[in-house]
Amino acid sequence: MKILVTGATGKVGSRLVPRLIARGYDVRVLVRDAANAPAGAEIVVGDLFEAATLAPAVAGADAVIHLAALFRTFTDNEGIIKTNHNGTIALADAAVAAGIKRFIFTSTGNVYGAGYGHPAKEDDFVNINDPRAYSSSKIAAEQELLKMDLNVSVLRLGFVYGDKDPHIAEIIPLLKKMKRHSGSRMHMVHHLDVAQALILLLQNDNVSGEIFNIADDAPITLYELADSVGQASVTFDTPEAALNDPFEGIMDISKLRRIAGFRPLVPSYYVARDLDIL
């Protein structure tokens, strides 16, 4: 199977592509700079906003794994929307024209709000008018993709970490600015399990038109996460009021388990730490 991967130089893509190649997949990557492309992949130099480069990128591919995105830490809201929504639809249009059999879109658990009264499920309400550009752009892309004549699956990722990804180190300084309660929980997912889920979706013929959450089995409190790197005392103010919503930030992953057979290889942050795969 030939797979086109976008975002191959990013945090997820740079760790996914070698795993796909190791599994025997024929991988092509769409990158702006060939020098940064993962080893072993076929390279197409281009951009989501250069239509002339999208046709050769998708030509002859059996599937697309679309990872490329601008994240919530960027302040360029226009750029976030242009990349996460407009760029995604441009790529999907090219995939339709090329007759691509499978299109997997990586979205985010940040599309969920609060107040559900349970871990967030794939059919819970998400606000396309969310003032957070990252979230609203992902929601808009999801909704438009699922209306297209395309075999689409959406994977909403928890907080991705591991494999020497600097993601945790990057977010710790932001927690104080975000004024999050120390008892709030973050639902995380290791790169090994992101790769596992994407491969399961590639192999499963019953996932078209479906949205799936992916996370581990043990959400961690922000206090525990900060404390694990010695930053709890400088990250959170005391005293704090009671936590309003114990389910905020938590996702239900039972659908991915039931339909795709997903079982976390790294069930918690502490397991990753003990195995030295952070």
C-alpha atoms as a PDB file:
ATOM      1  CA  MET A   1       0.000   0.000   0.000  1.00  0.00           C
ATOM      2  CA  LYS A   2       1.326   3.445  -0.965  1.00  0.00           C
ATOM      3  CA  ILE A   3       0.573   6.087   1.643  1.00  0.00           C
ATOM      4  CA  LEU A   4       0.958   9.838   1.347  1.00  0.00           C
ATOM      5  CA  VAL A   5       1.806  11.451   4.693  1.00  0.00           C
ATOM      6  CA  THR A   6       1.602  15.202   5.217  1.00  0.00           C
ATOM      7  CA  GLY A   7       3.227  16.872   8.198  1.00  0.00           C
ATOM      8  CA  ALA A   8       6.015  14.297   7.992  1.00  0.00           C
ATOM      9  CA  THR A   9       8.574  16.634   9.548  1.00  0.00           C
ATOM     10  CA  GLY A  10       6.405  17.485  12.554  1.00  0.00           C
ATOM     11  CA  LYS A  11       6.215  15.914  15.994  1.00  0.00           C
ATOM     12  CA  VAL A  12       3.828  13.127  14.975  1.00  0.00           C
ATOM     13  CA  GLY A  13       4.893  12.659  11.365  1.00  0.00           C
ATOM     14  CA  SER A  14       8.606  12.363  12.010  1.00  0.00           C
ATOM     15  CA  ARG A  15       7.904   9.501  14.408  1.00  0.00           C
ATOM     16  CA  LEU A  16       5.120   7.876  12.387  1.00  0.00           C
ATOM     17  CA  VAL A  17       6.855   7.631   9.008  1.00  0.00           C
ATOM     18  CA  PRO A  18       9.726   5.367  10.173  1.00  0.00           C
ATOM     19  CA  ARG A  19       7.176   3.071  11.817  1.00  0.00           C
ATOM     20  CA  LEU A  20       5.108   2.860   8.629  1.00  0.00           C
ATOM     21  CA  ILE A  21       8.231   2.066   6.600  1.00  0.00           C
ATOM     22  CA  ALA A  22       9.252  -0.573   9.144  1.00  0.00           C
ATOM     23  CA  ARG A  23       5.826  -2.184   8.704  1.00  0.00           C
ATOM     24  CA  GLY A  24       6.447  -2.464   4.968  1.00  0.00           C
ATOM     25  CA  TYR A  25       4.321   0.426   3.721  1.00  0.00           C
ATOM     26  CA  ASP A  26       5.434   2.395   0.667  1.00  0.00           C
ATOM     27  CA  VAL A  27       5.496   5.938   2.076  1.00  0.00           C
ATOM     28  CA  ARG A  28       5.496   9.212   0.195  1.00  0.00           C
ATOM     29  CA  VAL A  29       5.785  12.530   2.030  1.00  0.00           C
ATOM     30  CA  LEU A  30       4.740  16.032   1.037  1.00  0.00           C
ATOM     31  CA  VAL A  31       7.322  18.452   2.458  1.00  0.00           C
ATOM     32  CA  ARG A  32       8.438  22.019   1.882  1.00  0.00           C
ATOM     33  CA  ASP A  33      12.112  21.138   2.272  1.00  0.00           C
ATOM     34  CA  ALA A  34      13.436  17.806   1.013  1.00  0.00           C
ATOM     35  CA  ALA A  35      16.435  18.069   3.337  1.00  0.00           C
ATOM     36  CA  ASN A  36      14.148  17.629   6.349  1.00  0.00           C
ATOM     37  CA  ALA A  37      12.208  14.643   5.012  1.00  0.00           C
ATOM     38  CA  PRO A  38      12.355  11.346   6.948  1.00  0.00           C
ATOM     39  CA  ALA A  39      14.776   8.802   5.514  1.00  0.00           C
ATOM     40  CA  GLY A  40      13.378   6.041   3.358  1.00  0.00           C
ATOM     41  CA  ALA A  41      10.314   7.879   2.087  1.00  0.00           C
ATOM     42  CA  GLU A  42       9.561   9.064  -1.430  1.00  0.00           C
ATOM     43  CA  ILE A  43       9.649  12.852  -1.419  1.00  0.00           C
ATOM     44  CA  VAL A  44       7.342  15.334  -3.111  1.00  0.00           C
ATOM     45  CA  VAL A  45       8.338  18.938  -2.492  1.00  0.00           C
ATOM     46  CA  GLY A  46       5.298  21.141  -2.225  1.00  0.00           C
ATOM     47  CA  ASP A  47       2.742  22.827  -0.040  1.00  0.00           C
ATOM     48  CA  LEU A  48      -0.946  22.534   0.815  1.00  0.00           C
ATOM     49  CA  PHE A  49      -1.385  25.983  -0.699  1.00  0.00           C
ATOM     50  CA  GLU A  50       0.332  25.171  -3.986  1.00  0.00           C
ATOM     51  CA  ALA A  51      -2.344  23.330  -5.951  1.00  0.00           C
ATOM     52  CA  ALA A  52       0.113  22.253  -8.633  1.00  0.00           C
ATOM     53  CA  THR A  53       2.032  20.182  -6.066  1.00  0.00           C
ATOM     54  CA  LEU A  54      -0.981  18.324  -4.663  1.00  0.00           C
ATOM     55  CA  ALA A  55      -1.808  16.307  -7.785  1.00  0.00           C
ATOM     56  CA  PRO A  56       1.640  14.647  -7.987  1.00  0.00           C
ATOM     57  CA  ALA A  57       1.582  14.141  -4.218  1.00  0.00           C
ATOM     58  CA  VAL A  58      -1.613  12.064  -4.318  1.00  0.00           C
ATOM     59  CA  ALA A  59      -1.071  10.409  -7.718  1.00  0.00           C
ATOM     60  CA  GLY A  60      -0.956   6.633  -7.404  1.00  0.00           C
ATOM     61  CA  ALA A  61      -1.438   6.657  -3.621  1.00  0.00           C
ATOM     62  CA  ASP A  62      -3.835   4.263  -1.946  1.00  0.00           C
ATOM     63  CA  ALA A  63      -4.285   6.320   1.212  1.00  0.00           C
ATOM     64  CA  VAL A  64      -3.557   9.703   2.724  1.00  0.00           C
ATOM     65  CA  ILE A  65      -2.665  10.325   6.361  1.00  0.00           C
ATOM     66  CA  HIS A  66      -3.083  14.061   6.838  1.00  0.00           C
ATOM     67  CA  LEU A  67      -1.093  15.276   9.850  1.00  0.00           C
ATOM     68  CA  ALA A  68      -0.027  18.757   8.743  1.00  0.00           C
ATOM     69  CA  ALA A  69      -1.439  21.489  10.992  1.00  0.00           C
ATOM     70  CA  LEU A  70      -0.736  24.717  12.807  1.00  0.00           C
ATOM     71  CA  PHE A  71      -1.189  24.265  16.534  1.00  0.00           C
ATOM     72  CA  ARG A  72      -2.859  26.147  19.366  1.00  0.00           C
ATOM     73  CA  THR A  73       0.465  27.657  20.472  1.00  0.00           C
ATOM     74  CA  PHE A  74       0.603  29.764  17.306  1.00  0.00           C
ATOM     75  CA  THR A  75      -0.883  33.268  17.556  1.00  0.00           C
ATOM     76  CA  ASP A  76      -1.582  33.632  13.832  1.00  0.00           C
ATOM     77  CA  ASN A  77      -5.286  32.754  13.812  1.00  0.00           C
ATOM     78  CA  GLU A  78      -5.611  33.435  10.082  1.00  0.00           C
ATOM     79  CA  GLY A  79      -2.705  31.090   9.380  1.00  0.00           C
ATOM     80  CA  ILE A  80      -4.180  28.416  11.667  1.00  0.00           C
ATOM     81  CA  ILE A  81      -7.510  28.495   9.843  1.00  0.00           C
ATOM     82  CA  LYS A  82      -5.861  28.608   6.429  1.00  0.00           C
ATOM     83  CA  THR A  83      -3.724  25.561   7.210  1.00  0.00           C
ATOM     84  CA  ASN A  84      -6.071  23.428   9.270  1.00  0.00           C
ATOM     85  CA  HIS A  85      -9.231  24.015   7.273  1.00  0.00           C
ATOM     86  CA  ASN A  86      -8.467  25.418   3.823  1.00  0.00           C
ATOM     87  CA  GLY A  87      -5.307  23.358   3.328  1.00  0.00           C
ATOM     88  CA  THR A  88      -7.063  20.194   4.447  1.00  0.00           C
ATOM     89  CA  ILE A  89      -9.931  20.655   2.006  1.00  0.00           C
ATOM     90  CA  ALA A  90      -7.538  21.450  -0.853  1.00  0.00           C
ATOM     91  CA  LEU A  91      -5.719  18.181  -0.182  1.00  0.00           C
ATOM     92  CA  ALA A  92      -9.006  16.280   0.088  1.00  0.00           C
ATOM     93  CA  ASP A  93     -10.189  17.721  -3.225  1.00  0.00           C
ATOM     94  CA  ALA A  94      -6.976  16.479  -4.844  1.00  0.00           C
ATOM     95  CA  ALA A  95      -7.508  13.074  -3.231  1.00  0.00           C
ATOM     96  CA  VAL A  96     -11.039  12.848  -4.633  1.00  0.00           C
ATOM     97  CA  ALA A  97      -9.789  13.765  -8.102  1.00  0.00           C
ATOM     98  CA  ALA A  98      -7.114  11.071  -7.852  1.00  0.00           C
ATOM     99  CA  GLY A  99      -9.531   8.389  -6.684  1.00  0.00           C
ATOM    100  CA  ILE A 100      -7.833   7.881  -3.315  1.00  0.00           C
ATOM    101  CA  LYS A 101      -9.348   4.946  -1.452  1.00  0.00           C
ATOM    102  CA  ARG A 102      -8.743   6.124   2.122  1.00  0.00           C
ATOM    103  CA  PHE A 103      -8.193   9.507   3.796  1.00  0.00           C
ATOM    104  CA  ILE A 104      -7.324   9.729   7.502  1.00  0.00           C
ATOM    105  CA  PHE A 105      -7.508  13.153   9.119  1.00  0.00           C
ATOM    106  CA  THR A 106      -5.830  13.728  12.473  1.00  0.00           C
ATOM    107  CA  SER A 107      -7.893  16.115  14.533  1.00  0.00           C
ATOM    108  CA  THR A 108      -7.699  16.952  18.224  1.00  0.00           C
ATOM    109  CA  GLY A 109      -9.388  16.345  21.555  1.00  0.00           C
ATOM    110  CA  ASN A 110      -9.320  20.133  21.935  1.00  0.00           C
ATOM    111  CA  VAL A 111     -12.517  20.262  19.886  1.00  0.00           C
ATOM    112  CA  TYR A 112     -14.395  19.268  23.039  1.00  0.00           C
ATOM    113  CA  GLY A 113     -15.691  21.708  25.602  1.00  0.00           C
ATOM    114  CA  ALA A 114     -16.853  21.149  29.168  1.00  0.00           C
ATOM    115  CA  GLY A 115     -20.062  20.179  30.891  1.00  0.00           C
ATOM    116  CA  TYR A 116     -20.811  16.880  29.163  1.00  0.00           C
ATOM    117  CA  GLY A 117     -21.139  15.053  32.480  1.00  0.00           C
ATOM    118  CA  HIS A 118     -19.049  12.179  31.158  1.00  0.00           C
ATOM    119  CA  PRO A 119     -15.810  11.593  29.223  1.00  0.00           C
ATOM    120  CA  ALA A 120     -16.231  13.247  25.822  1.00  0.00           C
ATOM    121  CA  LYS A 121     -17.670  10.982  23.137  1.00  0.00           C
ATOM    122  CA  GLU A 122     -17.362  11.367  19.401  1.00  0.00           C
ATOM    123  CA  ASP A 123     -21.015  12.361  19.001  1.00  0.00           C
ATOM    124  CA  ASP A 124     -20.971  15.003  21.750  1.00  0.00           C
ATOM    125  CA  PHE A 125     -21.542  18.610  20.721  1.00  0.00           C
ATOM    126  CA  VAL A 126     -18.521  20.532  19.427  1.00  0.00           C
ATOM    127  CA  ASN A 127     -18.698  24.260  18.779  1.00  0.00           C
ATOM    128  CA  ILE A 128     -17.639  25.281  15.292  1.00  0.00           C
ATOM    129  CA  ASN A 129     -17.699  28.871  16.559  1.00  0.00           C
ATOM    130  CA  ASP A 130     -15.227  28.085  19.325  1.00  0.00           C
ATOM    131  CA  PRO A 131     -13.124  31.249  19.824  1.00  0.00           C
ATOM    132  CA  ARG A 132      -9.998  29.070  19.854  1.00  0.00           C
ATOM    133  CA  ALA A 133      -8.932  29.089  16.198  1.00  0.00           C
ATOM    134  CA  TYR A 134      -7.130  25.759  16.479  1.00  0.00           C
ATOM    135  CA  SER A 135     -10.252  23.981  17.713  1.00  0.00           C
ATOM    136  CA  SER A 136     -12.747  25.671  15.406  1.00  0.00           C
ATOM    137  CA  SER A 137     -10.542  25.140  12.335  1.00  0.00           C
ATOM    138  CA  LYS A 138     -10.281  21.425  13.095  1.00  0.00           C
ATOM    139  CA  ILE A 139     -14.046  21.152  13.618  1.00  0.00           C
ATOM    140  CA  ALA A 140     -14.726  22.929  10.323  1.00  0.00           C
ATOM    141  CA  ALA A 141     -12.342  20.611   8.492  1.00  0.00           C
ATOM    142  CA  GLU A 142     -13.886  17.510  10.063  1.00  0.00           C
ATOM    143  CA  GLN A 143     -17.414  18.510   9.149  1.00  0.00           C
ATOM    144  CA  GLU A 144     -16.572  19.404   5.559  1.00  0.00           C
ATOM    145  CA  LEU A 145     -14.499  16.260   5.003  1.00  0.00           C
ATOM    146  CA  LEU A 146     -17.297  14.003   6.219  1.00  0.00           C
ATOM    147  CA  LYS A 147     -19.649  15.476   3.606  1.00  0.00           C
ATOM    148  CA  MET A 148     -17.262  14.768   0.717  1.00  0.00           C
ATOM    149  CA  ASP A 149     -17.336  11.822  -1.658  1.00  0.00           C
ATOM    150  CA  LEU A 150     -14.307  10.357   0.059  1.00  0.00           C
ATOM    151  CA  ASN A 151     -13.558   7.440   2.384  1.00  0.00           C
ATOM    152  CA  VAL A 152     -12.703   9.593   5.420  1.00  0.00           C
ATOM    153  CA  SER A 153     -11.826   8.641   8.994  1.00  0.00           C
ATOM    154  CA  VAL A 154     -11.143  11.244  11.682  1.00  0.00           C
ATOM    155  CA  LEU A 155      -8.824  10.557  14.617  1.00  0.00           C
ATOM    156  CA  ARG A 156      -9.099  13.026  17.503  1.00  0.00           C
ATOM    157  CA  LEU A 157      -5.793  12.917  19.341  1.00  0.00           C
ATOM    158  CA  GLY A 158      -5.187  13.405  23.030  1.00  0.00           C
ATOM    159  CA  PHE A 159      -2.030  15.224  24.137  1.00  0.00           C
ATOM    160  CA  VAL A 160       0.697  13.439  22.180  1.00  0.00           C
ATOM    161  CA  TYR A 161       4.029  12.749  23.872  1.00  0.00           C
ATOM    162  CA  GLY A 162       6.980  10.356  24.041  1.00  0.00           C
ATOM    163  CA  ASP A 163       9.935   9.391  21.857  1.00  0.00           C
ATOM    164  CA  LYS A 164      11.859  12.466  23.079  1.00  0.00           C
ATOM    165  CA  ASP A 165       9.084  14.748  21.846  1.00  0.00           C
ATOM    166  CA  PRO A 166       9.510  18.157  23.588  1.00  0.00           C
ATOM    167  CA  HIS A 167       5.719  18.564  23.860  1.00  0.00           C
ATOM    168  CA  ILE A 168       5.614  18.158  27.667  1.00  0.00           C
ATOM    169  CA  ALA A 169       8.509  20.547  28.250  1.00  0.00           C
ATOM    170  CA  GLU A 170       6.793  23.065  25.988  1.00  0.00           C
ATOM    171  CA  ILE A 171       3.421  22.971  27.740  1.00  0.00           C
ATOM    172  CA  ILE A 172       4.540  23.127  31.372  1.00  0.00           C
ATOM    173  CA  PRO A 173       5.430  26.866  31.214  1.00  0.00           C
ATOM    174  CA  LEU A 174       2.034  27.532  29.602  1.00  0.00           C
ATOM    175  CA  LEU A 175      -0.019  25.927  32.370  1.00  0.00           C
ATOM    176  CA  LYS A 176       0.381  28.888  34.717  1.00  0.00           C
ATOM    177  CA  LYS A 177      -0.599  31.304  31.947  1.00  0.00           C
ATOM    178  CA  MET A 178      -3.625  29.130  31.137  1.00  0.00           C
ATOM    179  CA  LYS A 179      -4.711  29.301  34.800  1.00  0.00           C
ATOM    180  CA  ARG A 180      -5.712  25.660  34.789  1.00  0.00           C
ATOM    181  CA  HIS A 181      -6.657  23.986  38.064  1.00  0.00           C
ATOM    182  CA  SER A 182      -3.919  21.687  39.344  1.00  0.00           C
ATOM    183  CA  GLY A 183      -6.479  18.897  39.666  1.00  0.00           C
ATOM    184  CA  SER A 184      -7.553  19.171  36.020  1.00  0.00           C
ATOM    185  CA  ARG A 185      -6.636  16.082  34.089  1.00  0.00           C
ATOM    186  CA  MET A 186      -4.935  15.796  30.722  1.00  0.00           C
ATOM    187  CA  HIS A 187      -5.658  12.838  28.512  1.00  0.00           C
ATOM    188  CA  MET A 188      -2.404  11.847  26.859  1.00  0.00           C
ATOM    189  CA  VAL A 189      -1.384   9.400  24.155  1.00  0.00           C
ATOM    190  CA  HIS A 190       2.078   8.094  23.334  1.00  0.00           C
ATOM    191  CA  HIS A 191       3.477   8.242  19.794  1.00  0.00           C
ATOM    192  CA  LEU A 192       3.535   4.435  19.749  1.00  0.00           C
ATOM    193  CA  ASP A 193      -0.229   4.390  20.186  1.00  0.00           C
ATOM    194  CA  VAL A 194      -0.862   7.141  17.638  1.00  0.00           C
ATOM    195  CA  ALA A 195       0.989   4.981  15.120  1.00  0.00           C
ATOM    196  CA  GLN A 196      -0.922   1.891  16.240  1.00  0.00           C
ATOM    197  CA  ALA A 197      -4.283   3.624  15.777  1.00  0.00           C
ATOM    198  CA  LEU A 198      -3.430   5.049  12.361  1.00  0.00           C
ATOM    199  CA  ILE A 199      -2.298   1.638  11.130  1.00  0.00           C
ATOM    200  CA  LEU A 200      -5.495   0.049  12.483  1.00  0.00           C
ATOM    201  CA  LEU A 201      -7.555   2.610  10.556  1.00  0.00           C
ATOM    202  CA  LEU A 202      -5.555   1.918   7.407  1.00  0.00           C
ATOM    203  CA  GLN A 203      -6.302  -1.787   7.729  1.00  0.00           C
ATOM    204  CA  ASN A 204      -9.985  -1.581   8.700  1.00  0.00           C
ATOM    205  CA  ASP A 205     -12.684  -1.437   6.039  1.00  0.00           C
ATOM    206  CA  ASN A 206     -15.446  -0.387   8.465  1.00  0.00           C
ATOM    207  CA  VAL A 207     -14.223   3.055   9.493  1.00  0.00           C
ATOM    208  CA  SER A 208     -15.349   5.279   6.626  1.00  0.00           C
ATOM    209  CA  GLY A 209     -17.269   8.319   7.808  1.00  0.00           C
ATOM    210  CA  GLU A 210     -16.352   7.670  11.432  1.00  0.00           C
ATOM    211  CA  ILE A 211     -14.748   9.830  14.109  1.00  0.00           C
ATOM    212  CA  PHE A 212     -12.573   8.210  16.789  1.00  0.00           C
ATOM    213  CA  ASN A 213     -11.003   9.463  19.998  1.00  0.00           C
ATOM    214  CA  ILE A 214      -7.570   8.192  20.928  1.00  0.00           C
ATOM    215  CA  ALA A 215      -5.917   8.494  24.328  1.00  0.00           C
ATOM    216  CA  ASP A 216      -4.414   6.267  26.990  1.00  0.00           C
ATOM    217  CA  ASP A 217      -6.125   4.501  29.901  1.00  0.00           C
ATOM    218  CA  ALA A 218      -5.026   6.839  32.701  1.00  0.00           C
ATOM    219  CA  PRO A 219      -5.488  10.612  32.365  1.00  0.00           C
ATOM    220  CA  ILE A 220      -2.969  12.469  34.513  1.00  0.00           C
ATOM    221  CA  THR A 221      -3.592  15.560  36.646  1.00  0.00           C
ATOM    222  CA  LEU A 222      -1.757  18.693  35.659  1.00  0.00           C
ATOM    223  CA  TYR A 223      -0.221  18.730  39.127  1.00  0.00           C
ATOM    224  CA  GLU A 224       1.244  15.245  38.615  1.00  0.00           C
ATOM    225  CA  LEU A 225       2.566  16.176  35.189  1.00  0.00           C
ATOM    226  CA  ALA A 226       4.244  19.349  36.452  1.00  0.00           C
ATOM    227  CA  ASP A 227       5.498  17.575  39.563  1.00  0.00           C
ATOM    228  CA  SER A 228       7.111  14.860  37.435  1.00  0.00           C
ATOM    229  CA  VAL A 229       9.451  17.490  36.004  1.00  0.00           C
ATOM    230  CA  GLY A 230       9.885  19.376  39.291  1.00  0.00           C
ATOM    231  CA  GLN A 231       7.666  22.316  38.331  1.00  0.00           C
ATOM    232  CA  ALA A 232       4.510  21.885  40.415  1.00  0.00           C
ATOM    233  CA  SER A 233       5.428  24.423  43.105  1.00  0.00           C
ATOM    234  CA  VAL A 234       6.009  27.210  40.592  1.00  0.00           C
ATOM    235  CA  THR A 235       3.167  26.291  38.241  1.00  0.00           C
ATOM    236  CA  PHE A 236       0.105  26.367  40.499  1.00  0.00           C
ATOM    237  CA  ASP A 237      -1.156  28.916  42.970  1.00  0.00           C
ATOM    238  CA  THR A 238      -2.541  27.866  46.343  1.00  0.00           C
ATOM    239  CA  PRO A 239      -5.143  27.708  47.687  1.00  0.00           C
ATOM    240  CA  GLU A 240      -7.471  26.701  44.844  1.00  0.00           C
ATOM    241  CA  ALA A 241     -11.234  26.423  44.716  1.00  0.00           C
ATOM    242  CA  ALA A 242     -12.875  23.079  44.039  1.00  0.00           C
ATOM    243  CA  LEU A 243     -12.561  21.632  40.539  1.00  0.00           C
ATOM    244  CA  ASN A 244     -15.735  22.447  38.618  1.00  0.00           C
ATOM    245  CA  ASP A 245     -15.807  19.702  35.986  1.00  0.00           C
ATOM    246  CA  PRO A 246     -13.956  16.447  36.702  1.00  0.00           C
ATOM    247  CA  PHE A 247     -14.615  15.223  33.157  1.00  0.00           C
ATOM    248  CA  GLU A 248     -13.180  18.223  31.302  1.00  0.00           C
ATOM    249  CA  GLY A 249     -10.253  17.107  29.146  1.00  0.00           C
ATOM    250  CA  ILE A 250     -11.163  13.413  29.344  1.00  0.00           C
ATOM    251  CA  MET A 251     -12.110  11.397  26.267  1.00  0.00           C
ATOM    252  CA  ASP A 252     -14.012   8.151  25.888  1.00  0.00           C
ATOM    253  CA  ILE A 253     -11.918   5.780  23.730  1.00  0.00           C
ATOM    254  CA  SER A 254     -14.336   2.841  23.775  1.00  0.00           C
ATOM    255  CA  LYS A 255     -15.341   3.325  20.123  1.00  0.00           C
ATOM    256  CA  LEU A 256     -11.776   2.904  18.848  1.00  0.00           C
ATOM    257  CA  ARG A 257     -11.433  -0.184  21.036  1.00  0.00           C
ATOM    258  CA  ARG A 258     -14.716  -1.674  19.842  1.00  0.00           C
ATOM    259  CA  ILE A 259     -14.473  -1.008  16.109  1.00  0.00           C
ATOM    260  CA  ALA A 260     -10.736  -0.994  15.392  1.00  0.00           C
ATOM    261  CA  GLY A 261      -9.433  -3.247  18.158  1.00  0.00           C
ATOM    262  CA  PHE A 262      -7.267  -0.556  19.730  1.00  0.00           C
ATOM    263  CA  ARG A 263      -5.513  -1.389  23.004  1.00  0.00           C
ATOM    264  CA  PRO A 264      -2.963   1.126  24.354  1.00  0.00           C
ATOM    265  CA  LEU A 265       0.596  -0.153  24.199  1.00  0.00           C
ATOM    266  CA  VAL A 266       1.512   2.598  26.650  1.00  0.00           C
ATOM    267  CA  PRO A 267      -1.464   2.791  29.027  1.00  0.00           C
ATOM    268  CA  SER A 268      -0.186   5.699  31.126  1.00  0.00           C
ATOM    269  CA  TYR A 269       2.430   8.427  31.395  1.00  0.00           C
ATOM    270  CA  TYR A 270       3.968   6.584  34.329  1.00  0.00           C
ATOM    271  CA  VAL A 271       4.414   3.434  32.243  1.00  0.00           C
ATOM    272  CA  ALA A 272       6.207   5.492  29.590  1.00  0.00           C
ATOM    273  CA  ARG A 273       8.439   7.005  32.260  1.00  0.00           C
ATOM    274  CA  ASP A 274       9.262   3.604  33.778  1.00  0.00           C
ATOM    275  CA  LEU A 275      10.073   2.214  30.322  1.00  0.00           C
ATOM    276  CA  ASP A 276      12.244   5.262  29.542  1.00  0.00           C
ATOM    277  CA  ILE A 277      10.285   6.115  26.398  1.00  0.00           C
ATOM    278  CA  LEU A 278       9.306   9.686  27.254  1.00  0.00           C
END
